[in-house]
Amino acid sequence: MNQRYASQKLEVQIMGQSYTLSCPEGGAAALQDAVDKVDATMCAIRDAGRIKSRDRIAVLACLNIAHELGRDQAEASHQQRLGGLIDRLDQALASNDSPD
């Protein structure tokens, strides 16, 4: 079945070039945040001065953002695991403190 979802158009600029993007209703703010991240990353690479090709800048920006995402996901996983270990320690300490 082909369902149609309500969407909205968003005009954005990335590294000075305009793009018209579609996003789900209510998703414009999240999409704009993503656009801002991509634009900032691409501009930083361009401004470093060594790479001029828009395609190469885009690929490097994607790699940088993917690396950051992977690092953030790994950190979140470690935090979750540490939280679980702390909970287990708290339970063990609480059971040792209870009167026999």
PDB file of N, CA and C in Angstrom:
ATOM      1  N   MET A   1       0.823  -1.179   0.000  1.00  0.00           N
ATOM      2  CA  MET A   1       0.000   0.000   0.000  1.00  0.00           C
ATOM      3  C   MET A   1       0.868   1.244   0.000  1.00  0.00           C
ATOM      4  N   ASN A   2       0.505   2.180  -0.800  1.00  0.00           N
ATOM      5  CA  ASN A   2       1.258   3.429  -0.873  1.00  0.00           C
ATOM      6  C   ASN A   2       0.488   4.508  -0.128  1.00  0.00           C
ATOM      7  N   GLN A   3       0.968   4.872   1.045  1.00  0.00           N
ATOM      8  CA  GLN A   3       0.315   5.906   1.829  1.00  0.00           C
ATOM      9  C   GLN A   3       1.031   7.221   1.606  1.00  0.00           C
ATOM     10  N   ARG A   4       0.263   8.271   1.582  1.00  0.00           N
ATOM     11  CA  ARG A   4       0.856   9.599   1.443  1.00  0.00           C
ATOM     12  C   ARG A   4       0.909  10.261   2.812  1.00  0.00           C
ATOM     13  N   TYR A   5       2.042  10.838   3.092  1.00  0.00           N
ATOM     14  CA  TYR A   5       2.241  11.538   4.347  1.00  0.00           C
ATOM     15  C   TYR A   5       2.311  13.027   4.059  1.00  0.00           C
ATOM     16  N   ALA A   6       1.761  13.805   4.978  1.00  0.00           N
ATOM     17  CA  ALA A   6       1.829  15.257   4.827  1.00  0.00           C
ATOM     18  C   ALA A   6       3.285  15.684   4.945  1.00  0.00           C
ATOM     19  N   SER A   7       3.690  16.550   4.050  1.00  0.00           N
ATOM     20  CA  SER A   7       5.060  17.036   4.105  1.00  0.00           C
ATOM     21  C   SER A   7       5.074  18.523   3.811  1.00  0.00           C
ATOM     22  N   GLN A   8       6.178  19.126   4.156  1.00  0.00           N
ATOM     23  CA  GLN A   8       6.347  20.545   3.881  1.00  0.00           C
ATOM     24  C   GLN A   8       7.680  20.755   3.195  1.00  0.00           C
ATOM     25  N   LYS A   9       7.773  21.820   2.448  1.00  0.00           N
ATOM     26  CA  LYS A   9       8.998  22.174   1.731  1.00  0.00           C
ATOM     27  C   LYS A   9       9.779  23.166   2.576  1.00  0.00           C
ATOM     28  N   LEU A  10      11.087  23.041   2.521  1.00  0.00           N
ATOM     29  CA  LEU A  10      11.964  23.935   3.266  1.00  0.00           C
ATOM     30  C   LEU A  10      13.086  24.368   2.335  1.00  0.00           C
ATOM     31  N   GLU A  11      13.241  25.662   2.170  1.00  0.00           N
ATOM     32  CA  GLU A  11      14.318  26.225   1.351  1.00  0.00           C
ATOM     33  C   GLU A  11      15.512  26.466   2.269  1.00  0.00           C
ATOM     34  N   VAL A  12      16.652  25.840   1.949  1.00  0.00           N
ATOM     35  CA  VAL A  12      17.843  25.955   2.793  1.00  0.00           C
ATOM     36  C   VAL A  12      19.047  26.301   1.933  1.00  0.00           C
ATOM     37  N   GLN A  13      20.110  26.703   2.605  1.00  0.00           N
ATOM     38  CA  GLN A  13      21.382  26.946   1.922  1.00  0.00           C
ATOM     39  C   GLN A  13      22.476  26.172   2.634  1.00  0.00           C
ATOM     40  N   ILE A  14      23.271  25.492   1.826  1.00  0.00           N
ATOM     41  CA  ILE A  14      24.439  24.783   2.345  1.00  0.00           C
ATOM     42  C   ILE A  14      25.634  25.253   1.536  1.00  0.00           C
ATOM     43  N   MET A  15      26.577  25.837   2.217  1.00  0.00           N
ATOM     44  CA  MET A  15      27.788  26.374   1.598  1.00  0.00           C
ATOM     45  C   MET A  15      27.441  27.289   0.421  1.00  0.00           C
ATOM     46  N   GLY A  16      26.427  28.135   0.628  1.00  0.00           N
ATOM     47  CA  GLY A  16      26.060  29.127  -0.371  1.00  0.00           C
ATOM     48  C   GLY A  16      25.176  28.630  -1.493  1.00  0.00           C
ATOM     49  N   GLN A  17      24.859  27.358  -1.523  1.00  0.00           N
ATOM     50  CA  GLN A  17      24.012  26.811  -2.583  1.00  0.00           C
ATOM     51  C   GLN A  17      22.635  26.499  -2.013  1.00  0.00           C
ATOM     52  N   SER A  18      21.585  26.902  -2.752  1.00  0.00           N
ATOM     53  CA  SER A  18      20.213  26.697  -2.295  1.00  0.00           C
ATOM     54  C   SER A  18      19.713  25.304  -2.634  1.00  0.00           C
ATOM     55  N   TYR A  19      18.943  24.751  -1.715  1.00  0.00           N
ATOM     56  CA  TYR A  19      18.297  23.449  -1.897  1.00  0.00           C
ATOM     57  C   TYR A  19      16.867  23.561  -1.389  1.00  0.00           C
ATOM     58  N   THR A  20      15.938  22.913  -2.067  1.00  0.00           N
ATOM     59  CA  THR A  20      14.571  22.792  -1.586  1.00  0.00           C
ATOM     60  C   THR A  20      14.400  21.363  -1.100  1.00  0.00           C
ATOM     61  N   LEU A  21      14.102  21.215   0.180  1.00  0.00           N
ATOM     62  CA  LEU A  21      13.993  19.899   0.800  1.00  0.00           C
ATOM     63  C   LEU A  21      12.572  19.673   1.295  1.00  0.00           C
ATOM     64  N   SER A  22      12.168  18.432   1.353  1.00  0.00           N
ATOM     65  CA  SER A  22      10.877  18.056   1.922  1.00  0.00           C
ATOM     66  C   SER A  22      11.114  17.404   3.268  1.00  0.00           C
ATOM     67  N   CYS A  23      10.183  17.629   4.171  1.00  0.00           N
ATOM     68  CA  CYS A  23      10.250  16.976   5.470  1.00  0.00           C
ATOM     69  C   CYS A  23       8.827  16.764   5.975  1.00  0.00           C
ATOM     70  N   PRO A  24       8.641  15.846   6.911  1.00  0.00           N
ATOM     71  CA  PRO A  24       7.308  15.632   7.467  1.00  0.00           C
ATOM     72  C   PRO A  24       6.819  16.887   8.181  1.00  0.00           C
ATOM     73  N   GLU A  25       5.514  17.054   8.237  1.00  0.00           N
ATOM     74  CA  GLU A  25       4.944  18.172   8.990  1.00  0.00           C
ATOM     75  C   GLU A  25       5.508  18.146  10.407  1.00  0.00           C
ATOM     76  N   GLY A  26       5.931  19.300  10.885  1.00  0.00           N
ATOM     77  CA  GLY A  26       6.500  19.400  12.223  1.00  0.00           C
ATOM     78  C   GLY A  26       7.979  19.040  12.294  1.00  0.00           C
ATOM     79  N   GLY A  27       8.577  18.682  11.167  1.00  0.00           N
ATOM     80  CA  GLY A  27       9.974  18.270  11.178  1.00  0.00           C
ATOM     81  C   GLY A  27      10.941  19.328  10.689  1.00  0.00           C
ATOM     82  N   ALA A  28      10.435  20.533  10.415  1.00  0.00           N
ATOM     83  CA  ALA A  28      11.286  21.578   9.837  1.00  0.00           C
ATOM     84  C   ALA A  28      12.420  21.985  10.773  1.00  0.00           C
ATOM     85  N   ALA A  29      12.143  22.082  12.061  1.00  0.00           N
ATOM     86  CA  ALA A  29      13.184  22.515  13.007  1.00  0.00           C
ATOM     87  C   ALA A  29      14.323  21.494  13.065  1.00  0.00           C
ATOM     88  N   ALA A  30      13.979  20.211  13.106  1.00  0.00           N
ATOM     89  CA  ALA A  30      15.007  19.167  13.151  1.00  0.00           C
ATOM     90  C   ALA A  30      15.809  19.145  11.850  1.00  0.00           C
ATOM     91  N   LEU A  31      15.124  19.315  10.726  1.00  0.00           N
ATOM     92  CA  LEU A  31      15.821  19.345   9.443  1.00  0.00           C
ATOM     93  C   LEU A  31      16.736  20.561   9.366  1.00  0.00           C
ATOM     94  N   GLN A  32      16.267  21.706   9.855  1.00  0.00           N
ATOM     95  CA  GLN A  32      17.094  22.911   9.831  1.00  0.00           C
ATOM     96  C   GLN A  32      18.329  22.734  10.709  1.00  0.00           C
ATOM     97  N   ASP A  33      18.177  22.049  11.848  1.00  0.00           N
ATOM     98  CA  ASP A  33      19.338  21.757  12.700  1.00  0.00           C
ATOM     99  C   ASP A  33      20.361  20.908  11.946  1.00  0.00           C
ATOM    100  N   ALA A  34      19.867  19.912  11.198  1.00  0.00           N
ATOM    101  CA  ALA A  34      20.764  19.061  10.411  1.00  0.00           C
ATOM    102  C   ALA A  34      21.456  19.873   9.320  1.00  0.00           C
ATOM    103  N   VAL A  35      20.702  20.735   8.653  1.00  0.00           N
ATOM    104  CA  VAL A  35      21.268  21.594   7.606  1.00  0.00           C
ATOM    105  C   VAL A  35      22.352  22.485   8.196  1.00  0.00           C
ATOM    106  N   ASP A  36      22.073  23.068   9.355  1.00  0.00           N
ATOM    107  CA  ASP A  36      23.053  23.944  10.004  1.00  0.00           C
ATOM    108  C   ASP A  36      24.337  23.184  10.338  1.00  0.00           C
ATOM    109  N   LYS A  37      24.198  21.940  10.807  1.00  0.00           N
ATOM    110  CA  LYS A  37      25.365  21.116  11.140  1.00  0.00           C
ATOM    111  C   LYS A  37      26.182  20.812   9.885  1.00  0.00           C
ATOM    112  N   VAL A  38      25.491  20.412   8.809  1.00  0.00           N
ATOM    113  CA  VAL A  38      26.182  20.101   7.553  1.00  0.00           C
ATOM    114  C   VAL A  38      26.865  21.345   6.999  1.00  0.00           C
ATOM    115  N   ASP A  39      26.149  22.467   7.004  1.00  0.00           N
ATOM    116  CA  ASP A  39      26.712  23.713   6.480  1.00  0.00           C
ATOM    117  C   ASP A  39      27.950  24.124   7.270  1.00  0.00           C
ATOM    118  N   ALA A  40      27.859  24.080   8.591  1.00  0.00           N
ATOM    119  CA  ALA A  40      29.001  24.474   9.425  1.00  0.00           C
ATOM    120  C   ALA A  40      30.200  23.557   9.189  1.00  0.00           C
ATOM    121  N   THR A  41      29.942  22.261   9.077  1.00  0.00           N
ATOM    122  CA  THR A  41      31.030  21.309   8.862  1.00  0.00           C
ATOM    123  C   THR A  41      31.675  21.516   7.500  1.00  0.00           C
ATOM    124  N   MET A  42      30.847  21.685   6.465  1.00  0.00           N
ATOM    125  CA  MET A  42      31.388  21.893   5.121  1.00  0.00           C
ATOM    126  C   MET A  42      32.155  23.211   5.027  1.00  0.00           C
ATOM    127  N   CYS A  43      31.620  24.264   5.633  1.00  0.00           N
ATOM    128  CA  CYS A  43      32.307  25.562   5.589  1.00  0.00           C
ATOM    129  C   CYS A  43      33.639  25.509   6.330  1.00  0.00           C
ATOM    130  N   ALA A  44      33.687  24.783   7.440  1.00  0.00           N
ATOM    131  CA  ALA A  44      34.945  24.656   8.183  1.00  0.00           C
ATOM    132  C   ALA A  44      36.001  23.942   7.341  1.00  0.00           C
ATOM    133  N   ILE A  45      35.588  22.906   6.627  1.00  0.00           N
ATOM    134  CA  ILE A  45      36.529  22.186   5.755  1.00  0.00           C
ATOM    135  C   ILE A  45      36.987  23.097   4.622  1.00  0.00           C
ATOM    136  N   ARG A  46      36.042  23.794   4.002  1.00  0.00           N
ATOM    137  CA  ARG A  46      36.388  24.713   2.909  1.00  0.00           C
ATOM    138  C   ARG A  46      37.319  25.812   3.403  1.00  0.00           C
ATOM    139  N   ASP A  47      37.012  26.384   4.571  1.00  0.00           N
ATOM    140  CA  ASP A  47      37.796  27.503   5.095  1.00  0.00           C
ATOM    141  C   ASP A  47      39.192  27.087   5.537  1.00  0.00           C
ATOM    142  N   ALA A  48      39.397  25.791   5.774  1.00  0.00           N
ATOM    143  CA  ALA A  48      40.740  25.314   6.105  1.00  0.00           C
ATOM    144  C   ALA A  48      41.671  25.513   4.912  1.00  0.00           C
ATOM    145  N   GLY A  49      41.079  25.615   3.693  1.00  0.00           N
ATOM    146  CA  GLY A  49      41.826  26.048   2.529  1.00  0.00           C
ATOM    147  C   GLY A  49      42.484  25.002   1.674  1.00  0.00           C
ATOM    148  N   ARG A  50      42.536  23.774   2.121  1.00  0.00           N
ATOM    149  CA  ARG A  50      43.264  22.775   1.340  1.00  0.00           C
ATOM    150  C   ARG A  50      42.394  22.095   0.289  1.00  0.00           C
ATOM    151  N   ILE A  51      41.098  22.030   0.509  1.00  0.00           N
ATOM    152  CA  ILE A  51      40.214  21.299  -0.401  1.00  0.00           C
ATOM    153  C   ILE A  51      39.242  22.282  -1.033  1.00  0.00           C
ATOM    154  N   LYS A  52      39.153  22.252  -2.340  1.00  0.00           N
ATOM    155  CA  LYS A  52      38.301  23.192  -3.072  1.00  0.00           C
ATOM    156  C   LYS A  52      37.070  22.527  -3.678  1.00  0.00           C
ATOM    157  N   SER A  53      37.155  21.253  -4.010  1.00  0.00           N
ATOM    158  CA  SER A  53      36.058  20.552  -4.674  1.00  0.00           C
ATOM    159  C   SER A  53      34.872  20.386  -3.723  1.00  0.00           C
ATOM    160  N   ARG A  54      33.707  20.855  -4.161  1.00  0.00           N
ATOM    161  CA  ARG A  54      32.490  20.743  -3.348  1.00  0.00           C
ATOM    162  C   ARG A  54      32.188  19.276  -3.028  1.00  0.00           C
ATOM    163  N   ASP A  55      32.411  18.383  -3.994  1.00  0.00           N
ATOM    164  CA  ASP A  55      32.152  16.957  -3.772  1.00  0.00           C
ATOM    165  C   ASP A  55      33.057  16.392  -2.682  1.00  0.00           C
ATOM    166  N   ARG A  56      34.324  16.721  -2.739  1.00  0.00           N
ATOM    167  CA  ARG A  56      35.264  16.223  -1.723  1.00  0.00           C
ATOM    168  C   ARG A  56      34.939  16.807  -0.352  1.00  0.00           C
ATOM    169  N   ILE A  57      34.571  18.081  -0.334  1.00  0.00           N
ATOM    170  CA  ILE A  57      34.180  18.712   0.929  1.00  0.00           C
ATOM    171  C   ILE A  57      32.963  18.000   1.505  1.00  0.00           C
ATOM    172  N   ALA A  58      31.982  17.683   0.656  1.00  0.00           N
ATOM    173  CA  ALA A  58      30.770  16.998   1.114  1.00  0.00           C
ATOM    174  C   ALA A  58      31.095  15.616   1.681  1.00  0.00           C
ATOM    175  N   VAL A  59      31.968  14.880   0.994  1.00  0.00           N
ATOM    176  CA  VAL A  59      32.341  13.545   1.474  1.00  0.00           C
ATOM    177  C   VAL A  59      33.057  13.645   2.816  1.00  0.00           C
ATOM    178  N   LEU A  60      33.994  14.563   2.940  1.00  0.00           N
ATOM    179  CA  LEU A  60      34.709  14.726   4.214  1.00  0.00           C
ATOM    180  C   LEU A  60      33.768  15.168   5.325  1.00  0.00           C
ATOM    181  N   ALA A  61      32.825  16.046   5.005  1.00  0.00           N
ATOM    182  CA  ALA A  61      31.845  16.474   6.006  1.00  0.00           C
ATOM    183  C   ALA A  61      31.005  15.287   6.468  1.00  0.00           C
ATOM    184  N   CYS A  62      30.567  14.453   5.526  1.00  0.00           N
ATOM    185  CA  CYS A  62      29.797  13.251   5.884  1.00  0.00           C
ATOM    186  C   CYS A  62      30.603  12.338   6.793  1.00  0.00           C
ATOM    187  N   LEU A  63      31.858  12.139   6.455  1.00  0.00           N
ATOM    188  CA  LEU A  63      32.714  11.282   7.278  1.00  0.00           C
ATOM    189  C   LEU A  63      32.911  11.865   8.674  1.00  0.00           C
ATOM    190  N   ASN A  64      33.125  13.170   8.756  1.00  0.00           N
ATOM    191  CA  ASN A  64      33.291  13.814  10.065  1.00  0.00           C
ATOM    192  C   ASN A  64      32.034  13.670  10.912  1.00  0.00           C
ATOM    193  N   ILE A  65      30.877  13.920  10.306  1.00  0.00           N
ATOM    194  CA  ILE A  65      29.614  13.834  11.040  1.00  0.00           C
ATOM    195  C   ILE A  65      29.330  12.390  11.448  1.00  0.00           C
ATOM    196  N   ALA A  66      29.592  11.428  10.552  1.00  0.00           N
ATOM    197  CA  ALA A  66      29.387  10.015  10.883  1.00  0.00           C
ATOM    198  C   ALA A  66      30.308   9.587  12.027  1.00  0.00           C
ATOM    199  N   HIS A  67      31.544  10.079  12.005  1.00  0.00           N
ATOM    200  CA  HIS A  67      32.487   9.764  13.084  1.00  0.00           C
ATOM    201  C   HIS A  67      31.980  10.324  14.414  1.00  0.00           C
ATOM    202  N   GLU A  68      31.516  11.563  14.411  1.00  0.00           N
ATOM    203  CA  GLU A  68      30.966  12.168  15.630  1.00  0.00           C
ATOM    204  C   GLU A  68      29.769  11.378  16.136  1.00  0.00           C
ATOM    205  N   LEU A  69      28.893  10.967  15.227  1.00  0.00           N
ATOM    206  CA  LEU A  69      27.713  10.195  15.605  1.00  0.00           C
ATOM    207  C   LEU A  69      28.118   8.866  16.231  1.00  0.00           C
ATOM    208  N   GLY A  70      29.063   8.175  15.609  1.00  0.00           N
ATOM    209  CA  GLY A  70      29.537   6.908  16.160  1.00  0.00           C
ATOM    210  C   GLY A  70      30.147   7.077  17.537  1.00  0.00           C
ATOM    211  N   ARG A  71      30.929   8.131  17.701  1.00  0.00           N
ATOM    212  CA  ARG A  71      31.546   8.411  19.001  1.00  0.00           C
ATOM    213  C   ARG A  71      30.473   8.707  20.050  1.00  0.00           C
ATOM    214  N   ASP A  72      29.470   9.508  19.674  1.00  0.00           N
ATOM    215  CA  ASP A  72      28.394   9.842  20.607  1.00  0.00           C
ATOM    216  C   ASP A  72      27.575   8.606  20.978  1.00  0.00           C
ATOM    217  N   GLN A  73      27.321   7.728  20.003  1.00  0.00           N
ATOM    218  CA  GLN A  73      26.575   6.504  20.281  1.00  0.00           C
ATOM    219  C   GLN A  73      27.362   5.582  21.197  1.00  0.00           C
ATOM    220  N   ALA A  74      28.661   5.477  20.980  1.00  0.00           N
ATOM    221  CA  ALA A  74      29.499   4.645  21.846  1.00  0.00           C
ATOM    222  C   ALA A  74      29.514   5.203  23.262  1.00  0.00           C
ATOM    223  N   GLU A  75      29.598   6.517  23.376  1.00  0.00           N
ATOM    224  CA  GLU A  75      29.591   7.140  24.701  1.00  0.00           C
ATOM    225  C   GLU A  75      28.265   6.905  25.403  1.00  0.00           C
ATOM    226  N   ALA A  76      27.165   7.015  24.673  1.00  0.00           N
ATOM    227  CA  ALA A  76      25.846   6.772  25.259  1.00  0.00           C
ATOM    228  C   ALA A  76      25.726   5.320  25.719  1.00  0.00           C
ATOM    229  N   SER A  77      26.265   4.399  24.931  1.00  0.00           N
ATOM    230  CA  SER A  77      26.240   2.983  25.300  1.00  0.00           C
ATOM    231  C   SER A  77      27.054   2.746  26.567  1.00  0.00           C
ATOM    232  N   HIS A  78      28.222   3.385  26.648  1.00  0.00           N
ATOM    233  CA  HIS A  78      29.049   3.247  27.850  1.00  0.00           C
ATOM    234  C   HIS A  78      28.339   3.837  29.066  1.00  0.00           C
ATOM    235  N   GLN A  79      27.687   4.968  28.890  1.00  0.00           N
ATOM    236  CA  GLN A  79      26.961   5.589  29.999  1.00  0.00           C
ATOM    237  C   GLN A  79      25.831   4.682  30.476  1.00  0.00           C
ATOM    238  N   GLN A  80      25.132   4.061  29.522  1.00  0.00           N
ATOM    239  CA  GLN A  80      24.040   3.160  29.879  1.00  0.00           C
ATOM    240  C   GLN A  80      24.584   1.951  30.643  1.00  0.00           C
ATOM    241  N   ARG A  81      25.686   1.408  30.169  1.00  0.00           N
ATOM    242  CA  ARG A  81      26.292   0.255  30.843  1.00  0.00           C
ATOM    243  C   ARG A  81      26.762   0.634  32.250  1.00  0.00           C
ATOM    244  N   LEU A  82      27.399   1.801  32.379  1.00  0.00           N
ATOM    245  CA  LEU A  82      27.838   2.256  33.703  1.00  0.00           C
ATOM    246  C   LEU A  82      26.652   2.458  34.633  1.00  0.00           C
ATOM    247  N   GLY A  83      25.569   3.010  34.094  1.00  0.00           N
ATOM    248  CA  GLY A  83      24.363   3.187  34.902  1.00  0.00           C
ATOM    249  C   GLY A  83      23.837   1.857  35.416  1.00  0.00           C
ATOM    250  N   GLY A  84      23.848   0.841  34.561  1.00  0.00           N
ATOM    251  CA  GLY A  84      23.410  -0.493  34.977  1.00  0.00           C
ATOM    252  C   GLY A  84      24.315  -1.079  36.046  1.00  0.00           C
ATOM    253  N   LEU A  85      25.624  -0.892  35.893  1.00  0.00           N
ATOM    254  CA  LEU A  85      26.568  -1.392  36.896  1.00  0.00           C
ATOM    255  C   LEU A  85      26.389  -0.679  38.232  1.00  0.00           C
ATOM    256  N   ILE A  86      26.157   0.619  38.181  1.00  0.00           N
ATOM    257  CA  ILE A  86      25.931   1.376  39.418  1.00  0.00           C
ATOM    258  C   ILE A  86      24.665   0.890  40.106  1.00  0.00           C
ATOM    259  N   ASP A  87      23.608   0.636  39.332  1.00  0.00           N
ATOM    260  CA  ASP A  87      22.365   0.114  39.908  1.00  0.00           C
ATOM    261  C   ASP A  87      22.603  -1.232  40.582  1.00  0.00           C
ATOM    262  N   ARG A  88      23.377  -2.110  39.928  1.00  0.00           N
ATOM    263  CA  ARG A  88      23.663  -3.420  40.519  1.00  0.00           C
ATOM    264  C   ARG A  88      24.475  -3.279  41.803  1.00  0.00           C
ATOM    265  N   LEU A  89      25.438  -2.357  41.799  1.00  0.00           N
ATOM    266  CA  LEU A  89      26.227  -2.120  43.018  1.00  0.00           C
ATOM    267  C   LEU A  89      25.351  -1.580  44.136  1.00  0.00           C
ATOM    268  N   ASP A  90      24.472  -0.646  43.801  1.00  0.00           N
ATOM    269  CA  ASP A  90      23.556  -0.098  44.807  1.00  0.00           C
ATOM    270  C   ASP A  90      22.683  -1.194  45.405  1.00  0.00           C
ATOM    271  N   GLN A  91      22.178  -2.088  44.557  1.00  0.00           N
ATOM    272  CA  GLN A  91      21.337  -3.187  45.047  1.00  0.00           C
ATOM    273  C   GLN A  91      22.139  -4.130  45.938  1.00  0.00           C
ATOM    274  N   ALA A  92      23.372  -4.421  45.536  1.00  0.00           N
ATOM    275  CA  ALA A  92      24.218  -5.313  46.334  1.00  0.00           C
ATOM    276  C   ALA A  92      24.539  -4.683  47.685  1.00  0.00           C
ATOM    277  N   LEU A  93      24.841  -3.397  47.676  1.00  0.00           N
ATOM    278  CA  LEU A  93      25.140  -2.709  48.935  1.00  0.00           C
ATOM    279  C   LEU A  93      23.905  -2.625  49.817  1.00  0.00           C
ATOM    280  N   ALA A  94      22.758  -2.391  49.215  1.00  0.00           N
ATOM    281  CA  ALA A  94      21.518  -2.301  49.984  1.00  0.00           C
ATOM    282  C   ALA A  94      21.179  -3.646  50.617  1.00  0.00           C
ATOM    283  N   SER A  95      21.416  -4.740  49.906  1.00  0.00           N
ATOM    284  CA  SER A  95      21.107  -6.059  50.471  1.00  0.00           C
ATOM    285  C   SER A  95      22.093  -6.415  51.580  1.00  0.00           C
ATOM    286  N   ASN A  96      23.321  -5.911  51.514  1.00  0.00           N
ATOM    287  CA  ASN A  96      24.299  -6.146  52.578  1.00  0.00           C
ATOM    288  C   ASN A  96      24.006  -5.305  53.805  1.00  0.00           C
ATOM    289  N   ASP A  97      23.365  -4.150  53.623  1.00  0.00           N
ATOM    290  CA  ASP A  97      23.045  -3.266  54.739  1.00  0.00           C
ATOM    291  C   ASP A  97      21.793  -3.705  55.483  1.00  0.00           C
ATOM    292  N   SER A  98      20.966  -4.534  54.876  1.00  0.00           N
ATOM    293  CA  SER A  98      19.713  -4.927  55.527  1.00  0.00           C
ATOM    294  C   SER A  98      20.011  -5.868  56.688  1.00  0.00           C
ATOM    295  N   PRO A  99      19.222  -5.733  57.778  1.00  0.00           N
ATOM    296  CA  PRO A  99      19.465  -6.585  58.951  1.00  0.00           C
ATOM    297  C   PRO A  99      19.165  -8.051  58.630  1.00  0.00           C
ATOM    298  N   ASP A 100      19.963  -8.927  59.214  1.00  0.00           N
ATOM    299  CA  ASP A 100      19.779 -10.372  58.991  1.00  0.00           C
ATOM    300  C   ASP A 100      18.771 -10.951  59.921  1.00  0.00           C
TER     301      ASP A 100
END
